[in-house]
């Protein structure tokens, strides 16, 4: 079996609007954190499943959906992705909770990589 998808983000230029939309559409509770350009809303849908999610405020970015895949060795996964034609959008960063990176696949889609 391959690496699991462990997190999904919905991003847009108006994070609070997206949080309200998805909360009303799916009945999700949003655990809002951050201020200004660093707003993030963790999705609390009541499931016990392995996939987490969030709504990311990107005031200077663009709307997108990103899925994050858990990997055993983040540096090796980023190197392998580059060898396969991907570009690095966010080099590995440690947040305290997880270490992650984001690549852009050969067709322009963002993909997150997480090492726990």
C-alpha atoms as a PDB file:
ATOM      1  CA  UNK A   1       0.000   0.000   0.000  1.00  0.00           C
ATOM      2  CA  UNK A   2       1.206   3.557  -0.764  1.00  0.00           C
ATOM      3  CA  UNK A   3       1.468   6.640   1.371  1.00  0.00           C
ATOM      4  CA  UNK A   4      -1.832   7.901   2.840  1.00  0.00           C
ATOM      5  CA  UNK A   5      -3.504  11.247   2.211  1.00  0.00           C
ATOM      6  CA  UNK A   6      -3.620  12.826   5.670  1.00  0.00           C
ATOM      7  CA  UNK A   7      -4.807  16.408   5.171  1.00  0.00           C
ATOM      8  CA  UNK A   8      -6.743  18.494   2.653  1.00  0.00           C
ATOM      9  CA  UNK A   9      -6.831  22.307   2.447  1.00  0.00           C
ATOM     10  CA  UNK A  10      -9.172  24.657   0.669  1.00  0.00           C
ATOM     11  CA  UNK A  11      -7.496  28.032   0.110  1.00  0.00           C
ATOM     12  CA  UNK A  12      -8.829  31.348  -1.078  1.00  0.00           C
ATOM     13  CA  UNK A  13      -8.330  35.081  -0.853  1.00  0.00           C
ATOM     14  CA  UNK A  14     -11.136  35.422   1.724  1.00  0.00           C
ATOM     15  CA  UNK A  15     -10.612  32.705   4.349  1.00  0.00           C
ATOM     16  CA  UNK A  16     -13.478  33.769   6.635  1.00  0.00           C
ATOM     17  CA  UNK A  17     -15.915  33.616   3.702  1.00  0.00           C
ATOM     18  CA  UNK A  18     -14.733  30.104   2.806  1.00  0.00           C
ATOM     19  CA  UNK A  19     -14.998  29.007   6.446  1.00  0.00           C
ATOM     20  CA  UNK A  20     -18.607  30.226   6.591  1.00  0.00           C
ATOM     21  CA  UNK A  21     -19.457  28.622   3.240  1.00  0.00           C
ATOM     22  CA  UNK A  22     -18.134  25.161   4.136  1.00  0.00           C
ATOM     23  CA  UNK A  23     -19.490  25.303   7.685  1.00  0.00           C
ATOM     24  CA  UNK A  24     -22.985  26.003   6.342  1.00  0.00           C
ATOM     25  CA  UNK A  25     -22.691  23.607   3.396  1.00  0.00           C
ATOM     26  CA  UNK A  26     -21.410  20.551   5.288  1.00  0.00           C
ATOM     27  CA  UNK A  27     -22.140  21.358   8.938  1.00  0.00           C
ATOM     28  CA  UNK A  28     -18.429  21.529   9.781  1.00  0.00           C
ATOM     29  CA  UNK A  29     -17.166  23.299  12.856  1.00  0.00           C
ATOM     30  CA  UNK A  30     -14.181  25.511  12.069  1.00  0.00           C
ATOM     31  CA  UNK A  31     -11.480  25.999  14.722  1.00  0.00           C
ATOM     32  CA  UNK A  32     -10.286  29.446  13.601  1.00  0.00           C
ATOM     33  CA  UNK A  33      -6.678  30.362  14.354  1.00  0.00           C
ATOM     34  CA  UNK A  34      -4.424  33.214  13.364  1.00  0.00           C
ATOM     35  CA  UNK A  35      -4.881  36.828  12.368  1.00  0.00           C
ATOM     36  CA  UNK A  36      -4.425  38.952   9.249  1.00  0.00           C
ATOM     37  CA  UNK A  37      -2.566  37.144   6.483  1.00  0.00           C
ATOM     38  CA  UNK A  38      -1.930  34.127   8.731  1.00  0.00           C
ATOM     39  CA  UNK A  39      -5.540  32.974   9.187  1.00  0.00           C
ATOM     40  CA  UNK A  40      -6.264  29.250   9.188  1.00  0.00           C
ATOM     41  CA  UNK A  41      -9.387  27.302  10.085  1.00  0.00           C
ATOM     42  CA  UNK A  42      -9.039  23.652  11.107  1.00  0.00           C
ATOM     43  CA  UNK A  43     -12.051  21.602   9.998  1.00  0.00           C
ATOM     44  CA  UNK A  44     -13.733  19.630  12.777  1.00  0.00           C
ATOM     45  CA  UNK A  45     -16.275  17.379  11.043  1.00  0.00           C
ATOM     46  CA  UNK A  46     -16.816  14.889  13.868  1.00  0.00           C
ATOM     47  CA  UNK A  47     -15.382  11.950  11.948  1.00  0.00           C
ATOM     48  CA  UNK A  48     -12.798   9.624  13.380  1.00  0.00           C
ATOM     49  CA  UNK A  49     -11.163   9.203   9.979  1.00  0.00           C
ATOM     50  CA  UNK A  50      -7.474   9.707   9.235  1.00  0.00           C
ATOM     51  CA  UNK A  51      -7.854  12.775   7.005  1.00  0.00           C
ATOM     52  CA  UNK A  52      -7.754  16.218   8.575  1.00  0.00           C
ATOM     53  CA  UNK A  53      -8.521  19.438   6.815  1.00  0.00           C
ATOM     54  CA  UNK A  54      -8.390  23.173   6.917  1.00  0.00           C
ATOM     55  CA  UNK A  55      -9.338  26.430   5.259  1.00  0.00           C
ATOM     56  CA  UNK A  56      -6.319  28.605   4.453  1.00  0.00           C
ATOM     57  CA  UNK A  57      -6.566  32.378   4.033  1.00  0.00           C
ATOM     58  CA  UNK A  58      -4.441  33.458   1.024  1.00  0.00           C
ATOM     59  CA  UNK A  59      -5.034  37.199   0.624  1.00  0.00           C
ATOM     60  CA  UNK A  60      -2.235  37.557  -1.935  1.00  0.00           C
ATOM     61  CA  UNK A  61      -2.493  34.101  -3.446  1.00  0.00           C
ATOM     62  CA  UNK A  62      -5.088  32.212  -5.388  1.00  0.00           C
ATOM     63  CA  UNK A  63      -7.880  29.768  -4.732  1.00  0.00           C
ATOM     64  CA  UNK A  64      -6.797  26.146  -4.737  1.00  0.00           C
ATOM     65  CA  UNK A  65      -7.336  22.758  -3.149  1.00  0.00           C
ATOM     66  CA  UNK A  66      -4.258  20.953  -1.844  1.00  0.00           C
ATOM     67  CA  UNK A  67      -4.018  17.387  -0.604  1.00  0.00           C
ATOM     68  CA  UNK A  68      -1.164  16.377   1.694  1.00  0.00           C
ATOM     69  CA  UNK A  69       0.442  12.944   1.598  1.00  0.00           C
ATOM     70  CA  UNK A  70       2.339  11.514   4.560  1.00  0.00           C
ATOM     71  CA  UNK A  71       5.881  10.410   3.720  1.00  0.00           C
ATOM     72  CA  UNK A  72       8.576   8.723   5.810  1.00  0.00           C
ATOM     73  CA  UNK A  73      11.455  10.900   4.558  1.00  0.00           C
ATOM     74  CA  UNK A  74      10.442  14.398   3.497  1.00  0.00           C
ATOM     75  CA  UNK A  75      13.780  15.402   1.978  1.00  0.00           C
ATOM     76  CA  UNK A  76      13.923  12.205  -0.094  1.00  0.00           C
ATOM     77  CA  UNK A  77      10.313  12.653  -1.267  1.00  0.00           C
ATOM     78  CA  UNK A  78      10.991  16.260  -2.357  1.00  0.00           C
ATOM     79  CA  UNK A  79      14.137  15.146  -4.221  1.00  0.00           C
ATOM     80  CA  UNK A  80      12.245  12.302  -5.903  1.00  0.00           C
ATOM     81  CA  UNK A  81       9.457  14.696  -6.929  1.00  0.00           C
ATOM     82  CA  UNK A  82      11.976  17.102  -8.464  1.00  0.00           C
ATOM     83  CA  UNK A  83      13.624  14.242 -10.372  1.00  0.00           C
ATOM     84  CA  UNK A  84      10.170  13.372 -11.750  1.00  0.00           C
ATOM     85  CA  UNK A  85       9.596  16.928 -13.016  1.00  0.00           C
ATOM     86  CA  UNK A  86       7.992  18.696 -10.037  1.00  0.00           C
ATOM     87  CA  UNK A  87       8.978  22.135  -8.765  1.00  0.00           C
ATOM     88  CA  UNK A  88       9.346  23.002  -5.080  1.00  0.00           C
ATOM     89  CA  UNK A  89       6.848  25.670  -4.030  1.00  0.00           C
ATOM     90  CA  UNK A  90       7.586  25.507  -0.289  1.00  0.00           C
ATOM     91  CA  UNK A  91      10.834  23.927   0.897  1.00  0.00           C
ATOM     92  CA  UNK A  92      10.566  21.721   4.010  1.00  0.00           C
ATOM     93  CA  UNK A  93       9.387  23.686   7.053  1.00  0.00           C
ATOM     94  CA  UNK A  94       8.995  22.470  10.636  1.00  0.00           C
ATOM     95  CA  UNK A  95       5.918  23.956  12.348  1.00  0.00           C
ATOM     96  CA  UNK A  96       6.197  22.273  15.738  1.00  0.00           C
ATOM     97  CA  UNK A  97       3.286  19.947  14.938  1.00  0.00           C
ATOM     98  CA  UNK A  98       4.531  18.579  11.611  1.00  0.00           C
ATOM     99  CA  UNK A  99       7.233  19.086   9.029  1.00  0.00           C
ATOM    100  CA  UNK A 100       5.874  19.759   5.551  1.00  0.00           C
ATOM    101  CA  UNK A 101       6.735  20.885   2.051  1.00  0.00           C
ATOM    102  CA  UNK A 102       4.704  21.697  -1.043  1.00  0.00           C
ATOM    103  CA  UNK A 103       5.539  20.774  -4.607  1.00  0.00           C
ATOM    104  CA  UNK A 104       3.964  21.675  -7.926  1.00  0.00           C
ATOM    105  CA  UNK A 105       3.422  18.609 -10.098  1.00  0.00           C
ATOM    106  CA  UNK A 106       4.376  18.677 -13.808  1.00  0.00           C
ATOM    107  CA  UNK A 107       0.846  19.880 -14.719  1.00  0.00           C
ATOM    108  CA  UNK A 108       0.839  22.744 -12.195  1.00  0.00           C
ATOM    109  CA  UNK A 109      -1.137  21.159  -9.327  1.00  0.00           C
ATOM    110  CA  UNK A 110      -0.001  21.847  -5.748  1.00  0.00           C
ATOM    111  CA  UNK A 111       0.688  18.753  -3.612  1.00  0.00           C
ATOM    112  CA  UNK A 112       1.663  18.834   0.048  1.00  0.00           C
ATOM    113  CA  UNK A 113       4.050  16.386   1.676  1.00  0.00           C
ATOM    114  CA  UNK A 114       3.994  15.798   5.437  1.00  0.00           C
ATOM    115  CA  UNK A 115       6.453  13.971   7.674  1.00  0.00           C
ATOM    116  CA  UNK A 116       5.125  13.362  11.190  1.00  0.00           C
END
